[in-house]
Amino acid sequence: MMKVVFLVKRRGDLTVEEYRQYSTDVHAPMVTGLPGLRRYVVNYSLALDESQAPAYDGLVELWFESAEAFQSAMASDAGQAAVADQANFLDTGQTVMLVVDEVSLLG
């Protein structure tokens, strides 16, 4: 199994609530339609206190069977639509993508 992680930052003109609503109600259904997607998790950032905003607004996790499956999903019509939609709610210039090897050390 292959996991891709994205650190995302919302567009500056959106509130946290608007960002989360768009991400959950509009963008997530596009992502769940990606061919070959095995698991999809969105982690929304929380501020530890009111004085400091998190560096990123979310961490998105996508699982695929292989790198080829991920690349195929991104090249599909559904993948292209999901990528294009990011500009509607994310500061795409701040997005960081990591392909990771998840190792569970507890449990």
Protein backbone atom coordinates (compact mmCIF):
# COMPACT_ATOMS: atom_id res chain seq x y z
CA MET A 1 0.00 0.00 0.00
CA MET A 2 1.23 3.48 -0.85
CA LYS A 3 0.32 6.61 1.10
CA VAL A 4 0.45 10.20 -0.13
CA VAL A 5 0.20 13.05 2.38
CA PHE A 6 -0.62 16.66 1.56
CA LEU A 7 -0.10 19.61 3.91
CA VAL A 8 -2.65 22.21 2.84
CA LYS A 9 -3.31 25.85 3.59
CA ARG A 10 -6.65 27.50 2.97
CA ARG A 11 -7.04 30.50 0.69
CA GLY A 12 -6.54 33.73 2.63
CA ASP A 13 -10.00 35.05 1.78
CA LEU A 14 -11.76 32.08 3.41
CA THR A 15 -12.54 31.63 7.06
CA VAL A 16 -11.61 28.35 8.73
CA GLU A 17 -15.29 27.41 8.72
CA GLU A 18 -15.69 28.18 4.99
CA TYR A 19 -12.56 26.19 4.18
CA ARG A 20 -13.72 23.17 6.17
CA GLN A 21 -17.23 23.30 4.73
CA TYR A 22 -15.96 23.45 1.15
CA SER A 23 -13.40 20.72 1.79
CA THR A 24 -15.98 18.37 3.32
CA ASP A 25 -19.07 19.12 1.22
CA VAL A 26 -17.62 19.89 -2.22
CA HIS A 27 -14.05 18.66 -2.57
CA ALA A 28 -14.24 15.38 -0.60
CA PRO A 29 -16.90 13.86 -2.89
CA MET A 30 -14.59 14.56 -5.84
CA VAL A 31 -11.66 12.85 -4.13
CA THR A 32 -13.69 9.81 -3.09
CA GLY A 33 -14.44 9.30 -6.80
CA LEU A 34 -10.76 8.78 -7.66
CA PRO A 35 -10.23 5.40 -9.28
CA GLY A 36 -8.13 3.07 -7.14
CA LEU A 37 -8.41 5.13 -3.95
CA ARG A 38 -8.32 2.77 -0.95
CA ARG A 39 -8.55 5.21 1.97
CA TYR A 40 -8.99 8.96 2.39
CA VAL A 41 -8.57 10.91 5.63
CA VAL A 42 -8.66 14.66 6.19
CA ASN A 43 -7.12 15.99 9.41
CA TYR A 44 -8.16 19.58 10.18
CA SER A 45 -5.65 21.60 12.20
CA LEU A 46 -6.51 22.95 15.62
CA ALA A 47 -4.87 25.89 17.35
CA LEU A 48 -3.46 25.08 20.77
CA ASP A 49 -4.38 28.61 21.84
CA GLU A 50 -5.88 31.73 20.28
CA SER A 51 -2.55 33.53 19.93
CA GLN A 52 -1.04 31.34 17.22
CA ALA A 53 -2.66 29.91 14.10
CA PRO A 54 -1.42 26.54 12.82
CA ALA A 55 1.13 26.67 9.99
CA TYR A 56 -1.19 24.54 7.82
CA ASP A 57 -4.94 24.15 7.88
CA GLY A 58 -4.96 20.45 7.21
CA LEU A 59 -3.17 17.23 6.50
CA VAL A 60 -4.76 15.01 3.85
CA GLU A 61 -3.96 11.30 3.54
CA LEU A 62 -4.63 9.20 0.44
CA TRP A 63 -3.89 5.48 0.14
CA PHE A 64 -3.43 3.59 -3.14
CA GLU A 65 -2.22 0.07 -3.96
CA SER A 66 0.84 1.43 -5.78
CA ALA A 67 2.55 4.50 -7.22
CA GLU A 68 1.14 3.50 -10.59
CA ALA A 69 -2.39 3.45 -9.17
CA PHE A 70 -1.85 6.95 -7.71
CA GLN A 71 -0.48 8.29 -11.00
CA SER A 72 -3.36 6.73 -12.92
CA ALA A 73 -5.89 8.27 -10.52
CA MET A 74 -4.33 11.72 -10.89
CA ALA A 75 -4.33 11.41 -14.70
CA SER A 76 -8.01 10.39 -14.79
CA ASP A 77 -10.85 12.86 -15.43
CA ALA A 78 -11.79 12.61 -11.73
CA GLY A 79 -8.20 13.32 -10.70
CA GLN A 80 -7.89 16.30 -13.00
CA ALA A 81 -11.19 17.71 -11.70
CA ALA A 82 -10.09 17.29 -8.06
CA VAL A 83 -6.74 18.97 -8.75
CA ALA A 84 -8.43 21.87 -10.58
CA ASP A 85 -10.91 22.29 -7.71
CA GLN A 86 -8.14 22.90 -5.17
CA ALA A 87 -7.82 26.54 -6.30
CA ASN A 88 -11.39 27.12 -5.10
CA PHE A 89 -10.41 26.72 -1.45
CA LEU A 90 -6.65 26.19 -1.07
CA ASP A 91 -3.56 28.35 -1.43
CA THR A 92 -2.12 25.86 -3.92
CA GLY A 93 1.29 27.52 -3.86
CA GLN A 94 1.62 26.43 -0.22
CA THR A 95 0.63 22.78 -0.71
CA VAL A 96 3.30 20.24 0.22
CA MET A 97 3.05 16.66 -1.06
CA LEU A 98 4.93 13.76 0.51
CA VAL A 99 4.92 10.11 -0.49
CA VAL A 100 5.44 8.28 2.79
CA ASP A 101 6.18 4.88 4.23
CA GLU A 102 3.87 4.66 7.24
CA VAL A 103 5.33 2.78 10.19
CA SER A 104 3.11 2.21 13.21
CA LEU A 105 5.23 2.04 16.37
CA LEU A 106 2.44 1.56 18.87
CA GLY A 107 -0.49 -0.79 18.74
